[in-house]
Amino acid sequence: MLTSRTKHYLHCCLLFIVIASVEIFTGGLKLWKDPTAEINPWVRYGFTWTIVLYLLRLVTFLPLPQVLFNFAGLTLYNAFPDKVVLKGSPLLAPFICIRVVTRGDYPQLVKSNVSRNMNKCIDAGLENFLIQVVTDKKIGLEHDRRIREIVVPSSYRTKSGALFKARALQYCLEDDVNILVDTDWVVHLDEETLLTENSVKGILNFVMDGKYPFGQGLITYANEEVVNWITTLADSFRVADDMGKLRFQFLMFHKPLFSWKGSYVVTQGGQTWLNDGQSYPMNKMSILANFIIFAIRPQNMELIEEVELIANEEFIPKEIVIFPPENANNCETDEDSGDDDFIDMNNLPGSQLRAPSEVTQSHNYESDEIVDIPCMLQ
């Protein structure tokens, strides 16, 4: 039987053959004389059309960075990895919440997948876990200490007016709903996603390592009965994207340089995802990209940085609050480095410069422009 490394080498050879074949038959690699190569475009098409044609050819280089990342991910990392081996005891793993978001339109599907996922977790040795289903419509899941059903009230509204998945996820962060703490981990899945024993072990290794607060996993398709071959083949592109571009950017740079999926996301901190559960104001266009907000974590910025972000007169802050310095109650404070007779923002004491600040802005939610949210990935 072929080993995983041998399979990967054969996969790389096949990939090189496909690329070479396409280049030869499309004229990218010229192995024989091409009569069209003797045509002078400046004479045949004229100056204007030649410039236009060359510019159109340059457009093909726009996806080149993503193509290079896909190629690197598919060749540098084993495409047929062996079975995952646990690096520690599951009994010592932190608490894991497997959170499934659904509209509740297919209750039987949700019930079946919850039962199968719970059995897979138990078979993989996972002990300290909970499967949490967040739904708009009541499903009626079986009563189990490891299953929790959360029905989002139809009257619930977020501060930002977020919709769909972002609204459901934000409801989980409300104080009277959330039961998780900052040291817990959350695995975000769609209602149709099924866990495997290898994926559970991979999640365990990731959370026990604790090196990164965010993780992204690979999702494959057509593992069981194929209902529609056309849509299944179309979804196979997503698998190649996961194994290529996404895997390379995460393993090499540990940042989502190009994209980030909205499912199979592992995050740490069940309580302080969005700055201690606060909602950030967004307009309608940014709300539609709801799952992107949960792939980022807002950055606590200093006052000067906050003011520099205000580049549009429509977003003038409603108020700016500067809190007292950290040693305001002490008898002595650190001195500034400037002239005592001339006090400005450039020679304030260090304690005041390190003091926290808040900027409150008034936004026009009817605008079609996307409101930039200062954020960073840790």
Protein backbone atom coordinates (compact mmCIF):
# COMPACT_ATOMS: atom_id res chain seq x y z
CA MET A 1 0.00 0.00 0.00
CA LEU A 2 1.28 3.46 -0.89
CA THR A 3 2.46 5.69 1.93
CA SER A 4 1.17 9.22 2.38
CA ARG A 5 4.50 10.68 1.20
CA THR A 6 4.42 8.56 -1.97
CA LYS A 7 0.87 9.69 -2.68
CA HIS A 8 1.95 13.29 -2.25
CA TYR A 9 4.85 12.87 -4.70
CA LEU A 10 2.49 11.34 -7.26
CA HIS A 11 0.06 14.21 -6.65
CA CYS A 12 2.85 16.76 -7.33
CA CYS A 13 3.90 14.95 -10.51
CA LEU A 14 0.33 14.94 -11.80
CA LEU A 15 0.00 18.64 -10.97
CA PHE A 16 3.19 19.45 -12.93
CA ILE A 17 1.96 17.38 -15.90
CA VAL A 18 -1.38 19.20 -15.95
CA ILE A 19 0.28 22.62 -15.76
CA ALA A 20 2.81 21.76 -18.48
CA SER A 21 0.09 20.36 -20.75
CA VAL A 22 -2.06 23.46 -20.41
CA GLU A 23 0.93 25.75 -21.07
CA ILE A 24 1.91 23.83 -24.21
CA PHE A 25 -1.55 23.60 -25.77
CA THR A 26 -2.41 27.23 -24.99
CA GLY A 27 0.84 28.54 -26.43
CA GLY A 28 2.44 29.56 -23.17
CA LEU A 29 5.38 27.24 -23.87
CA LYS A 30 6.36 27.18 -27.54
CA LEU A 31 8.07 23.92 -28.48
CA TRP A 32 7.72 24.46 -32.21
CA LYS A 33 7.73 27.40 -34.58
CA ASP A 34 4.68 29.63 -34.36
CA PRO A 35 3.90 31.70 -37.47
CA THR A 36 1.96 34.23 -35.42
CA ALA A 37 5.14 35.11 -33.49
CA GLU A 38 6.42 36.98 -36.57
CA ILE A 39 3.48 39.40 -36.55
CA ASN A 40 4.36 42.93 -35.51
CA PRO A 41 1.37 44.13 -33.41
CA TRP A 42 2.35 47.80 -33.74
CA VAL A 43 2.04 47.55 -37.53
CA ARG A 44 -0.96 45.24 -37.70
CA TYR A 45 -3.17 46.72 -34.94
CA GLY A 46 -1.84 50.23 -34.58
CA PHE A 47 -0.53 52.04 -31.54
CA THR A 48 -3.82 52.45 -29.62
CA TRP A 49 -5.12 48.91 -29.96
CA THR A 50 -1.70 47.44 -29.23
CA ILE A 51 -1.57 49.35 -25.93
CA VAL A 52 -5.11 48.18 -25.08
CA LEU A 53 -4.26 44.55 -25.86
CA TYR A 54 -1.09 44.62 -23.80
CA LEU A 55 -2.97 46.16 -20.86
CA LEU A 56 -5.58 43.41 -21.12
CA ARG A 57 -2.82 40.81 -20.98
CA LEU A 58 -1.43 42.44 -17.86
CA VAL A 59 -4.81 41.96 -16.15
CA THR A 60 -4.13 38.21 -16.11
CA PHE A 61 -1.38 38.84 -13.55
CA LEU A 62 -3.86 40.09 -10.93
CA PRO A 63 -4.59 36.61 -9.47
CA LEU A 64 -0.90 35.66 -9.61
CA PRO A 65 -0.32 36.00 -5.82
CA GLN A 66 -3.23 33.68 -5.07
CA VAL A 67 -2.07 31.23 -7.75
CA LEU A 68 1.42 31.12 -6.21
CA PHE A 69 -0.03 30.55 -2.73
CA ASN A 70 -2.26 27.75 -4.05
CA PHE A 71 0.68 26.11 -5.80
CA ALA A 72 2.88 26.38 -2.71
CA GLY A 73 0.21 24.95 -0.43
CA LEU A 74 -0.50 22.01 -2.72
CA THR A 75 3.17 21.09 -3.17
CA LEU A 76 5.06 22.07 -0.01
CA TYR A 77 2.66 20.39 2.43
CA ASN A 78 1.58 16.78 2.36
CA ALA A 79 -1.78 16.50 0.60
CA PHE A 80 -2.34 13.03 2.10
CA PRO A 81 -1.47 13.40 5.79
CA ASP A 82 -1.41 10.41 8.08
CA LYS A 83 -3.87 9.91 10.91
CA VAL A 84 -3.67 12.54 13.62
CA VAL A 85 -1.91 11.45 16.82
CA LEU A 86 -2.92 13.12 20.08
CA LYS A 87 -0.10 15.09 21.68
CA GLY A 88 -1.63 14.98 25.14
CA SER A 89 -4.38 13.49 27.22
CA PRO A 90 -7.92 14.67 26.31
CA LEU A 91 -8.66 14.77 30.04
CA LEU A 92 -6.29 17.74 30.34
CA ALA A 93 -7.80 19.63 27.41
CA PRO A 94 -9.69 22.89 28.06
CA PHE A 95 -13.44 23.09 27.66
CA ILE A 96 -14.57 23.00 24.01
CA CYS A 97 -17.92 24.28 22.78
CA ILE A 98 -18.96 23.04 19.33
CA ARG A 99 -21.32 25.79 18.17
CA VAL A 100 -23.66 25.13 15.25
CA VAL A 101 -25.64 28.01 13.75
CA THR A 102 -28.81 27.22 11.80
CA ARG A 103 -32.09 28.80 10.77
CA GLY A 104 -33.90 25.66 11.89
CA ASP A 105 -35.47 24.87 8.52
CA TYR A 106 -34.14 21.28 8.54
CA PRO A 107 -34.59 19.98 12.10
CA GLN A 108 -34.06 16.30 11.22
CA LEU A 109 -30.73 17.09 9.57
CA VAL A 110 -29.59 19.04 12.61
CA LYS A 111 -30.67 16.29 15.03
CA SER A 112 -28.89 13.60 13.01
CA ASN A 113 -25.66 15.59 12.65
CA VAL A 114 -25.61 16.61 16.33
CA SER A 115 -25.94 12.97 17.35
CA ARG A 116 -23.21 11.85 14.93
CA ASN A 117 -20.84 14.64 15.95
CA MET A 118 -21.32 13.87 19.64
CA ASN A 119 -20.51 10.20 19.04
CA LYS A 120 -17.39 11.16 17.08
CA CYS A 121 -16.22 13.39 19.92
CA ILE A 122 -16.70 10.59 22.43
CA ASP A 123 -14.93 8.06 20.17
CA ALA A 124 -11.96 10.45 19.84
CA GLY A 125 -11.66 10.62 23.64
CA LEU A 126 -13.05 14.14 24.07
CA GLU A 127 -14.59 14.52 27.53
CA ASN A 128 -14.90 18.20 28.41
CA PHE A 129 -17.14 19.47 25.62
CA LEU A 130 -20.59 20.81 24.77
CA ILE A 131 -22.52 20.89 21.48
CA GLN A 132 -24.41 24.17 21.29
CA VAL A 133 -27.03 24.67 18.57
CA VAL A 134 -28.06 28.28 17.93
CA THR A 135 -31.25 28.42 15.90
CA ASP A 136 -33.97 30.84 14.84
CA LYS A 137 -36.64 28.13 15.07
CA LYS A 138 -37.03 25.59 17.86
CA ILE A 139 -35.67 22.18 16.84
CA GLY A 140 -36.43 20.07 19.91
CA LEU A 141 -33.08 18.39 20.49
CA GLU A 142 -32.88 15.54 22.96
CA HIS A 143 -32.11 16.42 26.56
CA ASP A 144 -28.46 15.69 27.25
CA ARG A 145 -25.87 17.31 29.47
CA ARG A 146 -23.64 17.72 26.42
CA ILE A 147 -26.26 19.31 24.17
CA ARG A 148 -27.67 22.81 24.52
CA GLU A 149 -30.23 24.38 22.20
CA ILE A 150 -30.39 28.19 22.06
CA VAL A 151 -33.38 29.73 20.28
CA VAL A 152 -32.75 33.32 19.22
CA PRO A 153 -35.91 35.36 19.93
CA SER A 154 -37.46 37.00 16.88
CA SER A 155 -37.54 40.26 18.81
CA TYR A 156 -33.77 40.23 19.47
CA ARG A 157 -31.83 43.07 17.86
CA THR A 158 -28.13 43.77 18.11
CA LYS A 159 -26.81 47.25 18.72
CA SER A 160 -25.39 47.32 15.20
CA GLY A 161 -28.43 45.83 13.48
CA ALA A 162 -26.47 42.74 12.41
CA LEU A 163 -28.39 40.02 10.61
CA PHE A 164 -28.26 36.28 9.95
CA LYS A 165 -25.30 34.40 11.42
CA ALA A 166 -23.77 37.51 13.03
CA ARG A 167 -27.04 38.16 14.87
CA ALA A 168 -27.18 34.59 16.19
CA LEU A 169 -23.54 34.58 17.25
CA GLN A 170 -23.93 37.92 18.98
CA TYR A 171 -26.92 36.58 20.92
CA CYS A 172 -24.67 33.84 22.31
CA LEU A 173 -22.46 36.53 23.82
CA GLU A 174 -25.22 38.18 25.84
CA ASP A 175 -24.63 38.01 29.59
CA ASP A 176 -27.82 36.07 30.33
CA VAL A 177 -27.10 33.53 27.56
CA ASN A 178 -23.35 32.99 27.54
CA ILE A 179 -22.02 30.30 29.89
CA LEU A 180 -18.45 30.21 28.57
CA VAL A 181 -15.34 31.86 29.97
CA ASP A 182 -12.28 33.34 28.30
CA THR A 183 -10.25 30.13 28.60
CA ASP A 184 -12.86 28.04 26.76
CA TRP A 185 -12.64 27.27 23.05
CA VAL A 186 -15.40 27.51 20.45
CA VAL A 187 -15.57 25.42 17.26
CA HIS A 188 -17.91 27.04 14.72
CA LEU A 189 -19.66 24.68 12.32
CA ASP A 190 -22.51 24.85 9.83
CA GLU A 191 -25.55 22.64 10.28
CA GLU A 192 -24.46 20.23 7.52
CA THR A 193 -20.86 19.83 8.72
CA LEU A 194 -19.82 16.45 10.12
CA LEU A 195 -16.79 15.94 12.33
CA THR A 196 -14.35 13.09 11.86
CA GLU A 197 -12.15 11.43 14.45
CA ASN A 198 -9.08 13.02 12.87
CA SER A 199 -10.66 16.49 12.97
CA VAL A 200 -11.53 16.13 16.66
CA LYS A 201 -7.98 15.05 17.46
CA GLY A 202 -6.63 17.93 15.42
CA ILE A 203 -8.80 20.37 17.38
CA LEU A 204 -7.58 18.83 20.64
CA ASN A 205 -3.94 19.25 19.62
CA PHE A 206 -4.58 22.84 18.59
CA VAL A 207 -6.32 23.92 21.80
CA MET A 208 -3.89 22.06 24.06
CA ASP A 209 -0.97 23.73 22.30
CA GLY A 210 -2.61 27.13 22.90
CA LYS A 211 -0.12 28.96 20.71
CA TYR A 212 -2.69 30.76 18.55
CA PRO A 213 -6.18 32.08 19.47
CA PHE A 214 -7.66 31.37 16.01
CA GLY A 215 -7.59 28.28 13.83
CA GLN A 216 -9.07 27.18 10.50
CA GLY A 217 -9.74 23.61 9.41
CA LEU A 218 -10.12 21.75 6.12
CA ILE A 219 -13.62 20.84 4.91
CA THR A 220 -14.09 18.11 2.29
CA TYR A 221 -17.17 17.15 0.29
CA ALA A 222 -18.72 14.06 -1.29
CA ASN A 223 -17.70 11.84 1.61
CA GLU A 224 -21.07 10.09 1.58
CA GLU A 225 -23.92 9.75 -0.92
CA VAL A 226 -23.71 12.36 -3.68
CA VAL A 227 -27.06 14.05 -4.25
CA ASN A 228 -26.04 16.43 -7.03
CA TRP A 229 -22.83 15.77 -8.97
CA ILE A 230 -22.71 19.27 -10.49
CA THR A 231 -22.76 21.13 -7.17
CA THR A 232 -20.43 18.53 -5.63
CA LEU A 233 -17.84 19.04 -8.35
CA ALA A 234 -18.21 22.80 -7.96
CA ASP A 235 -17.53 22.46 -4.21
CA SER A 236 -14.33 20.56 -4.94
CA PHE A 237 -12.75 23.89 -5.87
CA ARG A 238 -13.22 24.96 -2.26
CA VAL A 239 -11.25 21.92 -1.10
CA ALA A 240 -8.36 22.86 -3.40
CA ASP A 241 -8.53 26.41 -2.06
CA ASP A 242 -8.37 25.10 1.53
CA MET A 243 -5.45 22.76 0.82
CA GLY A 244 -3.58 25.35 -1.21
CA LYS A 245 -3.94 29.04 -0.50
CA LEU A 246 -5.53 28.91 2.96
CA ARG A 247 -3.19 26.26 4.32
CA PHE A 248 -0.08 28.03 3.05
CA GLN A 249 -1.06 31.44 4.45
CA PHE A 250 -1.89 30.01 7.87
CA LEU A 251 1.05 27.63 8.25
CA MET A 252 3.63 30.01 6.78
CA PHE A 253 2.41 33.46 7.87
CA HIS A 254 -0.24 32.67 10.50
CA LYS A 255 -2.48 35.37 9.02
CA PRO A 256 -5.50 35.36 6.66
CA LEU A 257 -3.73 37.31 3.92
CA PHE A 258 -6.32 36.52 1.24
CA SER A 259 -9.44 35.03 2.78
CA TRP A 260 -10.99 33.25 5.73
CA LYS A 261 -13.83 30.73 5.69
CA GLY A 262 -16.98 31.20 7.73
CA SER A 263 -17.12 27.61 8.98
CA TYR A 264 -14.80 25.24 10.88
CA VAL A 265 -13.28 28.14 12.78
CA VAL A 266 -11.70 27.42 16.17
CA THR A 267 -11.42 30.41 18.51
CA GLN A 268 -10.41 30.93 22.10
CA GLY A 269 -12.53 33.03 24.44
CA GLY A 270 -16.25 32.44 24.68
CA GLN A 271 -16.89 35.81 26.24
CA THR A 272 -14.63 38.48 24.78
CA TRP A 273 -14.72 37.92 21.05
CA LEU A 274 -15.83 41.39 20.17
CA ASN A 275 -14.32 43.59 22.85
CA ASP A 276 -16.12 42.05 25.84
CA GLY A 277 -19.28 41.31 23.89
CA GLN A 278 -19.89 44.82 22.56
CA SER A 279 -21.38 45.29 19.12
CA TYR A 280 -19.76 47.64 16.64
CA PRO A 281 -21.90 49.87 14.40
CA MET A 282 -21.92 48.80 10.77
CA ASN A 283 -24.03 49.73 7.79
CA LYS A 284 -26.06 47.39 5.62
CA MET A 285 -23.25 46.36 3.26
CA SER A 286 -20.88 45.41 6.03
CA ILE A 287 -23.63 43.53 7.87
CA LEU A 288 -24.05 41.23 4.85
CA ALA A 289 -20.44 40.12 5.34
CA ASN A 290 -21.45 39.05 8.84
CA PHE A 291 -19.11 36.13 9.38
CA ILE A 292 -16.05 38.24 8.53
CA ILE A 293 -16.58 40.26 11.70
CA PHE A 294 -16.13 37.11 13.77
CA ALA A 295 -12.81 36.35 12.09
CA ILE A 296 -11.27 39.52 13.48
CA ARG A 297 -10.71 40.94 16.90
CA PRO A 298 -10.96 44.71 17.43
CA GLN A 299 -7.75 46.34 18.52
CA ASN A 300 -7.58 48.58 21.59
CA MET A 301 -6.12 51.73 20.11
CA GLU A 302 -4.65 54.84 21.71
CA LEU A 303 -6.27 58.25 21.47
CA ILE A 304 -3.91 59.58 18.80
CA GLU A 305 -4.54 56.54 16.61
CA GLU A 306 -8.28 56.92 17.03
CA VAL A 307 -8.19 60.55 15.96
CA GLU A 308 -6.04 59.74 12.94
CA LEU A 309 -8.69 57.26 11.75
CA ILE A 310 -11.19 60.10 11.33
CA ALA A 311 -10.49 60.98 7.70
CA ASN A 312 -14.04 61.83 6.69
CA GLU A 313 -15.99 64.81 7.97
CA GLU A 314 -19.12 62.64 8.16
CA PHE A 315 -17.50 60.63 10.95
CA ILE A 316 -16.53 63.40 13.33
CA PRO A 317 -16.56 61.93 16.85
CA LYS A 318 -19.51 62.67 19.03
CA GLU A 319 -17.22 62.79 22.06
CA ILE A 320 -13.67 61.88 23.10
CA VAL A 321 -13.13 60.71 26.67
CA ILE A 322 -9.61 60.65 28.16
CA PHE A 323 -9.43 58.73 31.41
CA PRO A 324 -7.20 59.80 34.34
CA PRO A 325 -3.58 58.67 34.30
CA GLU A 326 -2.64 55.34 35.82
CA ASN A 327 -0.98 57.00 38.84
CA ALA A 328 -3.53 59.76 39.33
CA ASN A 329 -4.04 58.89 43.01
CA ASN A 330 -0.34 58.81 43.85
CA CYS A 331 1.46 61.65 45.57
CA GLU A 332 4.04 61.87 42.78
CA THR A 333 3.62 61.59 39.06
CA ASP A 334 6.21 61.28 36.32
CA GLU A 335 7.29 64.56 34.80
CA ASP A 336 6.97 65.57 31.20
CA SER A 337 9.95 66.07 28.95
CA GLY A 338 9.04 69.50 27.58
CA ASP A 339 9.11 73.13 28.62
CA ASP A 340 7.07 73.81 31.78
CA ASP A 341 5.87 77.11 30.28
CA PHE A 342 4.49 75.50 27.14
CA ILE A 343 2.19 72.51 27.63
CA ASP A 344 0.71 70.66 24.64
CA MET A 345 0.12 67.09 23.45
CA ASN A 346 3.83 66.62 22.75
CA ASN A 347 5.08 66.90 26.33
CA LEU A 348 2.39 65.31 28.47
CA PRO A 349 3.51 62.92 31.23
CA GLY A 350 3.96 59.30 30.20
CA SER A 351 1.26 58.18 32.61
CA GLN A 352 -1.27 60.40 30.84
CA LEU A 353 -0.17 59.22 27.40
CA ARG A 354 -0.67 55.61 28.50
CA ALA A 355 -4.11 56.32 29.92
CA PRO A 356 -7.05 54.61 28.14
CA SER A 357 -9.41 56.59 25.95
CA GLU A 358 -12.73 56.13 24.19
CA VAL A 359 -14.10 57.69 21.01
CA THR A 360 -17.85 57.73 20.40
CA GLN A 361 -18.93 58.24 16.81
CA SER A 362 -22.29 58.90 15.20
CA HIS A 363 -22.78 56.98 11.96
CA ASN A 364 -25.29 57.27 9.16
CA TYR A 365 -26.63 53.74 8.73
CA GLU A 366 -28.33 54.59 5.45
CA SER A 367 -24.98 55.13 3.76
CA ASP A 368 -23.75 52.54 1.26
CA GLU A 369 -20.14 52.99 2.31
CA ILE A 370 -18.50 50.35 4.46
CA VAL A 371 -17.42 51.56 7.88
CA ASP A 372 -13.85 50.53 8.54
CA ILE A 373 -13.37 48.73 11.84
CA PRO A 374 -9.85 48.93 13.28
CA CYS A 375 -8.80 45.42 14.02
CA MET A 376 -5.93 43.00 14.24
CA LEU A 377 -5.33 39.29 14.31
CA GLN A 378 -3.29 38.00 17.20
